[in-house]
Amino acid sequence: MSGPKRGTWRIYYDPTPGRLADLEEFAANQDAWLARNGSFIERFLGCEALAKAQAAYGRVLECIDSGDPDSGFDCYGQAWEIFNELRRQAAEAKQQANVQRQLREQQRRLAEQQRQIQRQQREDQRRLAQQRAAAEALRECQEAWQDSESQALLHRWMDPSECHRLAAALEAAAVGSPGQVQEKSRAWQNSLRTVLAAANRRAAENAKAIRECRPALAAARQSLDSLNISVLTDSQRNGFGRLKRQLQTQVEEALSAENLRELRLFIAQIGELAARYQPKIKAAELEKASQVWRDALTRCGYSVVSRTGPDGAVILQASSFPMKSLNVEVRSDTKEVRLDVNGKHDHAGCVKDVQSLQAELARQGVQLTMTDWGTGKPGGVARQLSQGLSIGGAR
C-alpha cells in the first residue's frame, strides 16, 4: 500500500575473465622458469623433484582451464613456493656434493702424500709434497669461494662485512709455511660451510615469511579485482589498469625473487590503490544508478524532477496523472534506496507500481530487491513478477 518503502540495488560485475587473463600471463613466467631451471633441479634432486615442480605448474593450468581464478592464484603462489624451495634444495645439494667431493679428493691426496712421504727419504722431497698439498688446499678454497651459487647465496643473505672477512681470511691463508697454509685452508673451508649454513637458514626463514604474506596478498588482490571499474570513464579505467598491471608485475617479481620487503610494500600499495578508486567508483555508480532510475521512472510514465540532498543523496520526485506520485532517494554510502509511493495518500496500486519499476530497472541492469513493502502486500503477483526479475535484466 502507500507509505515508505525500502529496497537494495547493485550493478552486476564479473571480474573472473580479467583475473583468468592475469593468471595466464603469470603462468607463462612459471613455464619460462621451469625451462631455465628444470635441468638443474633434475640433475641434483632427481626426476621426482622435477615432476613435483611440473605438477605444481600443471595445477595452475588446470585452474585456468576450469575458469577458477581464486584457486588458480592459490596454486600459483604454491607453485612459486615449490619452485623456490626445490631451487634452494638443488643449490644446497650441489654445495654438499662439492664439499663431499672436495673432502674425498682431499683425503685421497693426503693419503697419497703420506705414501709419497714414506717413500721419499729426503727432506727436500717431503717439503715439496707439503708445498703441493698447501697449493692444492688453497686452490680448493679459491674454487669454493668463486662458486657462483655460493656467491649468490652469500651476497643475498649475509652482511657484506662477513663476505669481506672471508675474502681477507682466504688471502691470509696463502701466507706462511706449507703446513700453515694447509691448516688455515682447512679452517677457512670450515668457516665457509658455517656461513653458508647460516645463509641457507635465513633464506628458509624468508621463504616462510613470504608464505605468511599469501593471505594478505590474496585479500588485497580480491579487493582490487572486485572493484567495478566498468562504471568509470575511459581515462579513469586506463589509469587504473596501468597502475594495476604495474603492481601485478612488481608483485610477480617480488615473489620470484622472494623479496619480502618489496612484497609487503606492494601489498600495501594494492590496498592503497583500491582505497583510492573506491570513492570514484561509488560516485560513478551513484551517477549511473540515478540516471537508470530516472530513465526507468520516465518509461513507467512518470514526470521526474531530481535534486541532490545536503548529504550527497540523489532524490527523485516522480509524478503522473491523475494522483500518482513516487519519491526515490538513492545514496552513495549504501546500496539501500528509499521509496515513498503516493506519499500519505492511499493508493491500492502501489505494489503494482513498484513491481513495474522493478521490471524496468532489471531491463537496464539494476536489480531492485524490496526488503520492506510497508503496508503493501504483493502476494502472488509479486512472486510471479520476481521470477522474471531474478536474472536482473540486460546490461
Protein backbone atom coordinates (compact mmCIF):
# COMPACT_ATOMS: atom_id res chain seq x y z
CA MET A 1 0.00 0.00 0.00
CA SER A 2 1.12 3.62 0.33
CA GLY A 3 3.88 4.84 2.63
CA PRO A 4 7.69 4.48 2.97
CA LYS A 5 9.36 1.55 1.19
CA ARG A 6 12.93 0.19 1.14
CA GLY A 7 15.00 -1.84 -1.29
CA THR A 8 18.53 -2.59 -2.44
CA TRP A 9 20.25 -2.23 -5.81
CA ARG A 10 23.51 -3.31 -7.35
CA ILE A 11 25.21 -3.24 -10.71
CA TYR A 12 26.48 -6.56 -11.91
CA TYR A 13 30.18 -7.07 -12.44
CA ASP A 14 32.13 -10.26 -13.07
CA PRO A 15 35.92 -9.96 -12.55
CA THR A 16 36.60 -13.60 -13.47
CA PRO A 17 37.68 -13.12 -17.15
CA GLY A 18 40.18 -10.40 -16.25
CA ARG A 19 41.60 -12.42 -13.37
CA LEU A 20 41.98 -15.50 -15.61
CA ALA A 21 43.84 -13.38 -18.19
CA ASP A 22 46.19 -12.14 -15.45
CA LEU A 23 46.71 -15.69 -14.22
CA GLU A 24 47.56 -16.92 -17.74
CA GLU A 25 50.15 -14.16 -18.10
CA PHE A 26 51.71 -15.05 -14.73
CA ALA A 27 51.69 -18.77 -15.54
CA ALA A 28 53.79 -18.06 -18.65
CA ASN A 29 56.57 -16.81 -16.36
CA GLN A 30 56.46 -20.06 -14.39
CA ASP A 31 56.71 -22.01 -17.65
CA ALA A 32 59.81 -19.98 -18.54
CA TRP A 33 61.20 -20.58 -15.04
CA LEU A 34 60.85 -24.36 -15.49
CA ALA A 35 62.60 -24.14 -18.85
CA ARG A 36 65.54 -22.34 -17.23
CA ASN A 37 65.84 -24.33 -14.02
CA GLY A 38 64.31 -27.73 -14.73
CA SER A 39 67.53 -29.43 -15.78
CA PHE A 40 69.37 -28.04 -12.73
CA ILE A 41 66.71 -29.40 -10.36
CA GLU A 42 66.63 -32.77 -12.12
CA ARG A 43 70.43 -33.06 -12.03
CA PHE A 44 70.78 -32.53 -8.30
CA LEU A 45 67.39 -33.68 -6.93
CA GLY A 46 66.24 -36.24 -9.47
CA CYS A 47 63.26 -36.80 -11.76
CA GLU A 48 60.72 -36.85 -8.92
CA ALA A 49 61.62 -33.33 -7.84
CA LEU A 50 61.24 -32.05 -11.41
CA ALA A 51 57.91 -33.87 -11.68
CA LYS A 52 56.78 -32.18 -8.45
CA ALA A 53 57.54 -28.75 -9.92
CA GLN A 54 55.81 -29.63 -13.19
CA ALA A 55 52.78 -30.93 -11.30
CA ALA A 56 52.53 -27.66 -9.33
CA TYR A 57 52.59 -25.73 -12.62
CA GLY A 58 50.05 -28.16 -14.06
CA ARG A 59 47.61 -27.38 -11.24
CA VAL A 60 47.75 -23.70 -12.20
CA LEU A 61 46.90 -24.59 -15.81
CA GLU A 62 44.03 -26.81 -14.62
CA CYS A 63 42.53 -23.87 -12.71
CA ILE A 64 42.86 -21.69 -15.84
CA ASP A 65 41.15 -24.35 -17.96
CA SER A 66 38.37 -24.75 -15.37
CA GLY A 67 37.87 -20.97 -15.13
CA ASP A 68 38.68 -20.80 -11.40
CA PRO A 69 40.98 -17.77 -10.76
CA ASP A 70 40.66 -17.96 -6.95
CA SER A 71 42.04 -21.50 -6.78
CA GLY A 72 44.40 -20.60 -9.63
CA PHE A 73 46.08 -17.79 -7.72
CA ASP A 74 46.38 -20.05 -4.67
CA CYS A 75 48.00 -22.77 -6.82
CA TYR A 76 50.14 -20.09 -8.46
CA GLY A 77 51.54 -18.96 -5.11
CA GLN A 78 52.02 -22.58 -4.01
CA ALA A 79 53.89 -23.30 -7.26
CA TRP A 80 56.33 -20.47 -6.57
CA GLU A 81 56.92 -21.85 -3.09
CA ILE A 82 57.66 -25.28 -4.55
CA PHE A 83 59.87 -23.82 -7.30
CA ASN A 84 61.96 -21.73 -4.94
CA GLU A 85 62.22 -24.50 -2.36
CA LEU A 86 63.41 -27.00 -4.99
CA ARG A 87 65.85 -24.41 -6.33
CA ARG A 88 67.30 -23.95 -2.83
CA GLN A 89 67.45 -27.68 -2.24
CA ALA A 90 69.21 -28.22 -5.56
CA ALA A 91 71.72 -25.46 -4.78
CA GLU A 92 72.33 -26.96 -1.35
CA ALA A 93 72.71 -30.44 -2.87
CA LYS A 94 75.23 -29.03 -5.30
CA GLN A 95 77.14 -27.42 -2.45
CA GLN A 96 77.06 -30.63 -0.44
CA ALA A 97 78.21 -32.62 -3.43
CA ASN A 98 81.08 -30.21 -3.95
CA VAL A 99 82.02 -30.42 -0.29
CA GLN A 100 81.92 -34.23 -0.30
CA ARG A 101 83.90 -34.37 -3.50
CA GLN A 102 86.45 -31.97 -2.10
CA LEU A 103 86.66 -33.94 1.15
CA ARG A 104 87.10 -37.23 -0.70
CA GLU A 105 89.64 -35.73 -3.01
CA GLN A 106 91.46 -34.14 -0.10
CA GLN A 107 91.51 -37.45 1.77
CA ARG A 108 92.79 -39.21 -1.31
CA ARG A 109 95.53 -36.64 -1.81
CA LEU A 110 96.50 -36.72 1.85
CA ALA A 111 96.81 -40.50 1.69
CA GLU A 112 98.85 -40.21 -1.46
CA GLN A 113 101.04 -37.60 0.15
CA GLN A 114 101.60 -39.85 3.13
CA ARG A 115 102.65 -42.72 0.87
CA GLN A 116 104.97 -40.38 -1.01
CA ILE A 117 106.45 -39.14 2.24
CA GLN A 118 107.03 -42.72 3.35
CA ARG A 119 108.76 -43.50 0.05
CA GLN A 120 110.76 -40.35 -0.04
CA GLN A 121 113.82 -40.18 2.15
CA ARG A 122 114.98 -36.72 1.52
CA GLU A 123 113.76 -33.67 3.36
CA ASP A 124 113.51 -31.61 0.18
CA GLN A 125 111.07 -34.15 -1.33
CA ARG A 126 108.92 -34.08 1.83
CA ARG A 127 108.96 -30.28 1.75
CA LEU A 128 107.94 -30.30 -1.91
CA ALA A 129 104.98 -32.59 -1.13
CA GLN A 130 103.86 -30.22 1.61
CA GLN A 131 104.07 -27.29 -0.74
CA ARG A 132 101.96 -29.09 -3.30
CA ALA A 133 99.38 -30.05 -0.69
CA ALA A 134 99.23 -26.47 0.53
CA ALA A 135 98.79 -25.15 -3.01
CA GLU A 136 96.05 -27.72 -3.67
CA ALA A 137 94.25 -26.90 -0.45
CA LEU A 138 94.45 -23.22 -1.28
CA ARG A 139 93.15 -23.90 -4.81
CA GLU A 140 90.15 -25.77 -3.37
CA CYS A 141 89.39 -22.80 -1.16
CA GLN A 142 89.57 -20.47 -4.14
CA GLU A 143 87.27 -22.71 -6.20
CA ALA A 144 84.75 -22.88 -3.37
CA TRP A 145 84.88 -19.10 -2.97
CA GLN A 146 84.37 -18.49 -6.69
CA ASP A 147 81.37 -20.84 -6.95
CA SER A 148 78.51 -18.78 -8.41
CA GLU A 149 75.78 -20.38 -6.26
CA SER A 150 77.74 -19.76 -3.07
CA GLN A 151 78.44 -16.17 -4.02
CA ALA A 152 74.76 -15.52 -4.83
CA LEU A 153 73.68 -17.03 -1.51
CA LEU A 154 76.22 -15.03 0.50
CA HIS A 155 75.54 -11.69 -1.17
CA ARG A 156 71.78 -12.14 -0.82
CA TRP A 157 71.57 -13.26 2.81
CA MET A 158 74.79 -12.31 4.62
CA ASP A 159 76.15 -8.96 5.77
CA PRO A 160 78.84 -7.53 3.44
CA SER A 161 81.27 -7.48 6.36
CA GLU A 162 81.02 -11.30 6.57
CA CYS A 163 81.98 -11.61 2.89
CA HIS A 164 84.88 -9.20 3.39
CA ARG A 165 86.05 -11.25 6.38
CA LEU A 166 86.05 -14.49 4.35
CA ALA A 167 87.87 -12.80 1.46
CA ALA A 168 90.54 -11.42 3.80
CA ALA A 169 90.94 -14.81 5.53
CA LEU A 170 91.37 -16.54 2.16
CA GLU A 171 94.08 -14.06 1.21
CA ALA A 172 95.82 -14.58 4.55
CA ALA A 173 95.69 -18.38 4.11
CA ALA A 174 98.26 -18.13 1.31
CA VAL A 175 100.89 -16.70 3.68
CA GLY A 176 103.10 -18.95 5.79
CA SER A 177 104.77 -22.36 5.65
CA PRO A 178 103.12 -25.19 3.66
CA GLY A 179 101.77 -26.69 6.86
CA GLN A 180 100.37 -23.38 7.98
CA VAL A 181 98.74 -22.86 4.57
CA GLN A 182 97.02 -26.25 4.82
CA GLU A 183 95.85 -25.61 8.35
CA LYS A 184 94.49 -22.16 7.51
CA SER A 185 92.86 -23.53 4.34
CA ARG A 186 91.02 -26.22 6.31
CA ALA A 187 89.92 -23.64 8.87
CA TRP A 188 88.75 -21.35 6.09
CA GLN A 189 86.64 -24.10 4.46
CA ASN A 190 85.01 -24.87 7.80
CA SER A 191 84.23 -21.18 8.22
CA LEU A 192 82.74 -21.02 4.72
CA ARG A 193 80.48 -24.01 5.41
CA THR A 194 79.27 -22.39 8.63
CA VAL A 195 78.48 -19.11 6.88
CA LEU A 196 76.70 -20.89 4.00
CA ALA A 197 74.59 -22.82 6.52
CA ALA A 198 73.57 -19.54 8.18
CA ALA A 199 72.69 -18.06 4.77
CA ASN A 200 70.52 -21.09 3.99
CA ARG A 201 68.70 -20.69 7.31
CA ARG A 202 67.97 -17.04 6.57
CA ALA A 203 66.72 -17.97 3.11
CA ALA A 204 64.37 -20.54 4.65
CA GLU A 205 63.09 -18.00 7.21
CA ASN A 206 62.46 -15.51 4.43
CA ALA A 207 60.57 -18.14 2.45
CA LYS A 208 58.38 -18.81 5.49
CA ALA A 209 57.64 -15.10 5.84
CA ILE A 210 56.74 -14.96 2.14
CA ARG A 211 54.25 -17.80 2.67
CA GLU A 212 52.72 -15.95 5.62
CA CYS A 213 52.08 -12.97 3.30
CA ARG A 214 49.89 -15.02 0.99
CA PRO A 215 46.56 -14.41 2.81
CA ALA A 216 47.16 -10.65 2.87
CA LEU A 217 48.16 -10.71 -0.80
CA ALA A 218 45.07 -12.72 -1.74
CA ALA A 219 42.82 -10.32 0.22
CA ALA A 220 44.45 -7.29 -1.41
CA ARG A 221 44.07 -8.80 -4.86
CA GLN A 222 40.44 -9.67 -4.14
CA SER A 223 39.68 -6.11 -3.01
CA LEU A 224 41.23 -4.78 -6.22
CA ASP A 225 39.60 -7.32 -8.55
CA SER A 226 36.15 -6.74 -7.03
CA LEU A 227 36.14 -3.06 -7.95
CA ASN A 228 33.55 -2.37 -10.66
CA ILE A 229 35.74 -0.20 -12.87
CA SER A 230 33.31 -0.58 -15.78
CA VAL A 231 31.39 2.44 -14.47
CA LEU A 232 34.46 4.72 -14.71
CA THR A 233 35.42 6.87 -17.68
CA ASP A 234 37.83 5.55 -20.31
CA SER A 235 40.58 7.75 -18.89
CA GLN A 236 39.99 6.51 -15.34
CA ARG A 237 39.82 2.88 -16.45
CA ASN A 238 43.05 3.22 -18.41
CA GLY A 239 44.78 4.84 -15.45
CA PHE A 240 43.53 2.16 -13.09
CA GLY A 241 44.54 -0.62 -15.47
CA ARG A 242 48.04 0.81 -15.89
CA LEU A 243 48.58 1.04 -12.12
CA LYS A 244 47.11 -2.42 -11.54
CA ARG A 245 49.33 -4.04 -14.19
CA GLN A 246 52.38 -2.28 -12.75
CA LEU A 247 51.62 -3.55 -9.25
CA GLN A 248 50.89 -7.05 -10.53
CA THR A 249 54.25 -7.10 -12.32
CA GLN A 250 56.03 -5.85 -9.21
CA VAL A 251 54.33 -8.47 -7.03
CA GLU A 252 55.31 -11.15 -9.55
CA GLU A 253 58.94 -10.03 -9.46
CA ALA A 254 58.94 -9.87 -5.65
CA LEU A 255 57.51 -13.41 -5.41
CA SER A 256 60.00 -14.74 -7.93
CA ALA A 257 62.92 -13.11 -6.12
CA GLU A 258 61.46 -13.84 -2.66
CA ASN A 259 61.89 -10.18 -1.77
CA LEU A 260 59.89 -9.92 1.44
CA ARG A 261 60.28 -6.17 1.96
CA GLU A 262 59.10 -5.30 -1.55
CA LEU A 263 56.27 -7.84 -1.40
CA ARG A 264 54.90 -6.25 1.78
CA LEU A 265 55.28 -2.81 0.22
CA PHE A 266 53.39 -3.82 -2.92
CA ILE A 267 50.60 -5.49 -0.90
CA ALA A 268 50.12 -2.18 0.92
CA GLN A 269 50.15 -0.31 -2.40
CA ILE A 270 47.45 -2.62 -3.78
CA GLY A 271 45.28 -1.73 -0.79
CA GLU A 272 46.02 1.96 -1.31
CA LEU A 273 45.05 1.70 -4.99
CA ALA A 274 41.74 0.04 -4.09
CA ALA A 275 41.06 2.69 -1.43
CA ARG A 276 41.88 5.48 -3.89
CA TYR A 277 39.43 4.25 -6.53
CA GLN A 278 36.56 3.19 -4.27
CA PRO A 279 35.20 6.76 -3.85
CA LYS A 280 35.43 7.34 -7.62
CA ILE A 281 33.57 4.11 -8.32
CA LYS A 282 30.93 4.89 -5.69
CA ALA A 283 30.37 8.30 -7.27
CA ALA A 284 30.20 6.82 -10.77
CA GLU A 285 27.83 4.07 -9.63
CA LEU A 286 25.60 6.64 -7.93
CA GLU A 287 25.54 8.75 -11.09
CA LYS A 288 24.77 5.76 -13.29
CA ALA A 289 22.16 4.40 -10.89
CA SER A 290 20.50 7.79 -10.67
CA GLN A 291 20.29 8.00 -14.45
CA VAL A 292 18.93 4.46 -14.67
CA TRP A 293 16.29 5.30 -12.06
CA ARG A 294 15.33 8.50 -13.93
CA ASP A 295 15.03 6.60 -17.22
CA ALA A 296 13.07 3.76 -15.62
CA LEU A 297 10.62 6.16 -13.95
CA THR A 298 10.19 8.05 -17.21
CA ARG A 299 9.44 4.82 -19.09
CA CYS A 300 6.93 3.92 -16.37
CA GLY A 301 5.02 7.09 -17.20
CA TYR A 302 6.27 9.47 -14.55
CA SER A 303 7.50 13.02 -14.86
CA VAL A 304 10.77 13.15 -12.94
CA VAL A 305 12.46 16.02 -11.08
CA SER A 306 15.79 15.34 -9.35
CA ARG A 307 17.81 17.17 -6.74
CA THR A 308 20.87 16.43 -4.58
CA GLY A 309 20.44 16.42 -0.83
CA PRO A 310 22.92 18.01 1.63
CA ASP A 311 24.38 14.56 2.39
CA GLY A 312 25.00 13.75 -1.28
CA ALA A 313 21.91 11.59 -1.76
CA VAL A 314 20.07 11.89 -5.08
CA ILE A 315 16.35 12.47 -4.53
CA LEU A 316 13.99 11.80 -7.46
CA GLN A 317 10.43 13.14 -7.32
CA ALA A 318 8.17 11.42 -9.85
CA SER A 319 4.53 12.12 -10.56
CA SER A 320 1.91 11.09 -13.11
CA PHE A 321 -1.76 11.86 -13.88
CA PRO A 322 -4.00 11.94 -12.04
CA MET A 323 -2.88 11.41 -8.44
CA LYS A 324 0.15 9.11 -8.52
CA SER A 325 3.48 10.18 -7.05
CA LEU A 326 6.70 8.38 -6.10
CA ASN A 327 9.78 9.70 -4.33
CA VAL A 328 13.12 7.81 -4.58
CA GLU A 329 16.24 8.52 -2.52
CA VAL A 330 19.49 6.96 -3.86
CA ARG A 331 22.50 7.30 -1.54
CA SER A 332 26.24 6.99 -2.20
CA ASP A 333 27.10 5.45 1.18
CA THR A 334 24.74 2.46 0.95
CA LYS A 335 23.02 0.28 -1.63
CA GLU A 336 19.67 0.93 0.08
CA VAL A 337 17.04 3.06 -1.62
CA ARG A 338 14.04 4.64 -0.01
CA LEU A 339 10.75 4.78 -1.93
CA ASP A 340 7.75 6.81 -0.87
CA VAL A 341 4.81 5.76 -3.06
CA ASN A 342 1.88 8.23 -3.29
CA GLY A 343 3.03 9.93 -0.07
CA LYS A 344 0.47 9.51 2.69
CA HIS A 345 -2.44 9.01 0.32
CA ASP A 346 -3.83 5.56 -0.16
CA HIS A 347 -3.04 4.03 -3.50
CA ALA A 348 -4.14 0.42 -3.93
CA GLY A 349 -1.91 0.01 -6.96
CA CYS A 350 1.38 0.97 -5.25
CA VAL A 351 2.60 -2.63 -5.22
CA LYS A 352 1.98 -2.91 -8.93
CA ASP A 353 3.73 0.44 -9.49
CA VAL A 354 6.83 -0.76 -7.62
CA GLN A 355 6.80 -4.08 -9.49
CA SER A 356 6.61 -2.28 -12.83
CA LEU A 357 9.57 -0.19 -11.74
CA GLN A 358 11.44 -3.37 -10.72
CA ALA A 359 10.91 -4.85 -14.18
CA GLU A 360 12.07 -1.67 -15.94
CA LEU A 361 15.18 -1.40 -13.74
CA ALA A 362 16.02 -5.06 -14.39
CA ARG A 363 15.97 -4.43 -18.15
CA GLN A 364 18.67 -1.78 -17.57
CA GLY A 365 20.95 -3.93 -15.42
CA VAL A 366 19.82 -2.89 -11.92
CA GLN A 367 18.10 -5.42 -9.68
CA LEU A 368 15.73 -3.83 -7.15
CA THR A 369 15.02 -6.19 -4.26
CA MET A 370 12.34 -4.96 -1.90
CA THR A 371 13.27 -5.55 1.73
CA ASP A 372 10.30 -3.68 3.21
CA TRP A 373 6.93 -3.36 1.43
CA GLY A 374 5.49 -1.23 4.22
CA THR A 375 1.77 -1.85 4.41
CA GLY A 376 1.69 -3.25 0.90
CA LYS A 377 1.07 -6.95 0.32
CA PRO A 378 2.44 -8.05 -3.07
CA GLY A 379 1.15 -11.63 -2.65
CA GLY A 380 1.08 -13.94 -5.66
CA VAL A 381 1.53 -11.17 -8.18
CA ALA A 382 4.83 -10.19 -6.57
CA ARG A 383 6.07 -13.77 -6.60
CA GLN A 384 5.15 -14.12 -10.24
CA LEU A 385 6.99 -10.92 -11.21
CA SER A 386 10.00 -11.75 -9.03
CA GLN A 387 10.53 -14.94 -11.02
CA GLY A 388 11.01 -12.83 -14.10
CA LEU A 389 13.26 -10.34 -12.27
CA SER A 390 15.76 -12.79 -10.83
CA ILE A 391 18.07 -12.51 -13.84
CA GLY A 392 18.49 -8.78 -13.30
CA GLY A 393 17.82 -7.66 -16.86
CA ALA A 394 20.20 -6.93 -19.74
CA ARG A 395 23.23 -4.75 -19.14
